[in-house]
């Protein structure tokens, strides 16, 4: 099983990464509430532009709406070592 690593908060959103067997970070995800909805959308857009397939969802928990993305490397070759290109 891949090790989970945290990426520093980006625009107030904690992004989690999982390192692949061959290195790089093929899987990322984050969940946030409505306060950081726009930030999570920008992060997901950035990952999609870099070659990740991104699933975006909204769900209601405990009376609040939570926004989530899951990103999986879909580009050519190996996933980047820094999937968010230095953003922190």
C-alpha atoms as a PDB file:
ATOM      1  CA  UNK A   1       0.000   0.000   0.000  1.00  0.00           C
ATOM      2  CA  UNK A   2       1.263   3.444  -0.843  1.00  0.00           C
ATOM      3  CA  UNK A   3       2.289   5.839   1.898  1.00  0.00           C
ATOM      4  CA  UNK A   4      -0.004   8.799   2.442  1.00  0.00           C
ATOM      5  CA  UNK A   5       1.636  12.189   2.632  1.00  0.00           C
ATOM      6  CA  UNK A   6       0.130  15.552   3.331  1.00  0.00           C
ATOM      7  CA  UNK A   7       0.824  18.519   1.123  1.00  0.00           C
ATOM      8  CA  UNK A   8       0.899  21.858   2.907  1.00  0.00           C
ATOM      9  CA  UNK A   9      -2.377  23.710   2.919  1.00  0.00           C
ATOM     10  CA  UNK A  10      -3.048  25.351  -0.412  1.00  0.00           C
ATOM     11  CA  UNK A  11      -5.420  28.307  -0.271  1.00  0.00           C
ATOM     12  CA  UNK A  12      -6.670  26.971   3.069  1.00  0.00           C
ATOM     13  CA  UNK A  13      -7.339  23.443   1.732  1.00  0.00           C
ATOM     14  CA  UNK A  14      -5.401  20.397   3.035  1.00  0.00           C
ATOM     15  CA  UNK A  15      -4.448  18.245   0.032  1.00  0.00           C
ATOM     16  CA  UNK A  16      -3.464  14.612   0.610  1.00  0.00           C
ATOM     17  CA  UNK A  17      -1.169  12.706  -1.730  1.00  0.00           C
ATOM     18  CA  UNK A  18      -0.307   9.059  -2.117  1.00  0.00           C
ATOM     19  CA  UNK A  19       3.070   8.159  -3.536  1.00  0.00           C
ATOM     20  CA  UNK A  20       3.094   5.597  -6.356  1.00  0.00           C
ATOM     21  CA  UNK A  21       5.196   2.434  -6.529  1.00  0.00           C
ATOM     22  CA  UNK A  22       7.429   4.003  -9.160  1.00  0.00           C
ATOM     23  CA  UNK A  23       7.652   7.382  -7.421  1.00  0.00           C
ATOM     24  CA  UNK A  24       5.779  10.550  -8.156  1.00  0.00           C
ATOM     25  CA  UNK A  25       2.293  11.220  -6.857  1.00  0.00           C
ATOM     26  CA  UNK A  26      -0.418   9.574  -8.954  1.00  0.00           C
ATOM     27  CA  UNK A  27      -3.274  10.136  -6.464  1.00  0.00           C
ATOM     28  CA  UNK A  28      -4.406  13.292  -4.653  1.00  0.00           C
ATOM     29  CA  UNK A  29      -7.575  14.278  -2.832  1.00  0.00           C
ATOM     30  CA  UNK A  30      -9.054  16.994  -0.639  1.00  0.00           C
ATOM     31  CA  UNK A  31     -12.324  17.776   1.106  1.00  0.00           C
ATOM     32  CA  UNK A  32     -13.524  21.163   2.316  1.00  0.00           C
ATOM     33  CA  UNK A  33     -16.632  23.105   3.200  1.00  0.00           C
ATOM     34  CA  UNK A  34     -18.318  25.935   1.351  1.00  0.00           C
ATOM     35  CA  UNK A  35     -15.856  28.489   2.743  1.00  0.00           C
ATOM     36  CA  UNK A  36     -13.076  27.068   0.533  1.00  0.00           C
ATOM     37  CA  UNK A  37     -15.187  25.862  -2.391  1.00  0.00           C
ATOM     38  CA  UNK A  38     -13.553  28.181  -4.944  1.00  0.00           C
ATOM     39  CA  UNK A  39     -10.084  27.192  -3.741  1.00  0.00           C
ATOM     40  CA  UNK A  40     -10.800  23.487  -4.170  1.00  0.00           C
ATOM     41  CA  UNK A  41     -12.105  24.181  -7.673  1.00  0.00           C
ATOM     42  CA  UNK A  42      -8.905  26.084  -8.572  1.00  0.00           C
ATOM     43  CA  UNK A  43      -6.708  23.271  -7.210  1.00  0.00           C
ATOM     44  CA  UNK A  44      -8.697  20.658  -9.151  1.00  0.00           C
ATOM     45  CA  UNK A  45      -8.442  22.787 -12.322  1.00  0.00           C
ATOM     46  CA  UNK A  46      -4.663  23.074 -11.851  1.00  0.00           C
ATOM     47  CA  UNK A  47      -4.306  19.293 -11.494  1.00  0.00           C
ATOM     48  CA  UNK A  48      -6.505  18.645 -14.515  1.00  0.00           C
ATOM     49  CA  UNK A  49      -4.388  21.015 -16.611  1.00  0.00           C
ATOM     50  CA  UNK A  50      -1.265  19.054 -15.582  1.00  0.00           C
ATOM     51  CA  UNK A  51      -2.656  15.708 -16.792  1.00  0.00           C
ATOM     52  CA  UNK A  52      -4.712  14.357 -13.903  1.00  0.00           C
ATOM     53  CA  UNK A  53      -8.223  12.970 -14.280  1.00  0.00           C
ATOM     54  CA  UNK A  54     -10.268  14.778 -11.626  1.00  0.00           C
ATOM     55  CA  UNK A  55     -13.568  13.730 -10.053  1.00  0.00           C
ATOM     56  CA  UNK A  56     -15.389  16.539  -8.261  1.00  0.00           C
ATOM     57  CA  UNK A  57     -18.278  15.902  -5.882  1.00  0.00           C
ATOM     58  CA  UNK A  58     -20.459  17.746  -3.388  1.00  0.00           C
ATOM     59  CA  UNK A  59     -22.204  15.978  -0.520  1.00  0.00           C
ATOM     60  CA  UNK A  60     -24.125  16.920   2.558  1.00  0.00           C
ATOM     61  CA  UNK A  61     -22.874  15.781   5.977  1.00  0.00           C
ATOM     62  CA  UNK A  62     -24.060  16.916   9.362  1.00  0.00           C
ATOM     63  CA  UNK A  63     -26.137  19.684   7.825  1.00  0.00           C
ATOM     64  CA  UNK A  64     -23.240  21.145   5.810  1.00  0.00           C
ATOM     65  CA  UNK A  65     -22.220  20.789   2.184  1.00  0.00           C
ATOM     66  CA  UNK A  66     -18.706  19.437   1.654  1.00  0.00           C
ATOM     67  CA  UNK A  67     -16.778  19.663  -1.600  1.00  0.00           C
ATOM     68  CA  UNK A  68     -14.259  17.015  -2.601  1.00  0.00           C
ATOM     69  CA  UNK A  69     -11.994  16.184  -5.462  1.00  0.00           C
ATOM     70  CA  UNK A  70     -10.076  13.030  -6.232  1.00  0.00           C
ATOM     71  CA  UNK A  71      -7.319  13.232  -8.823  1.00  0.00           C
ATOM     72  CA  UNK A  72      -5.618  10.293 -10.526  1.00  0.00           C
ATOM     73  CA  UNK A  73      -2.668  10.598 -12.878  1.00  0.00           C
ATOM     74  CA  UNK A  74      -3.885  10.100 -16.459  1.00  0.00           C
ATOM     75  CA  UNK A  75      -1.068  11.808 -18.352  1.00  0.00           C
ATOM     76  CA  UNK A  76       1.713  10.218 -20.342  1.00  0.00           C
ATOM     77  CA  UNK A  77       4.679   8.775 -18.529  1.00  0.00           C
ATOM     78  CA  UNK A  78       5.244   9.026 -14.811  1.00  0.00           C
ATOM     79  CA  UNK A  79       3.279  11.403 -12.581  1.00  0.00           C
ATOM     80  CA  UNK A  80       5.109  14.572 -11.551  1.00  0.00           C
ATOM     81  CA  UNK A  81       7.150  14.624  -8.346  1.00  0.00           C
ATOM     82  CA  UNK A  82       5.458  17.922  -7.475  1.00  0.00           C
ATOM     83  CA  UNK A  83       1.869  17.602  -8.720  1.00  0.00           C
ATOM     84  CA  UNK A  84       0.897  21.106  -7.637  1.00  0.00           C
ATOM     85  CA  UNK A  85       3.989  22.714  -9.130  1.00  0.00           C
ATOM     86  CA  UNK A  86       5.301  24.245  -5.900  1.00  0.00           C
ATOM     87  CA  UNK A  87       1.970  25.698  -4.716  1.00  0.00           C
ATOM     88  CA  UNK A  88       1.652  25.805  -0.949  1.00  0.00           C
END
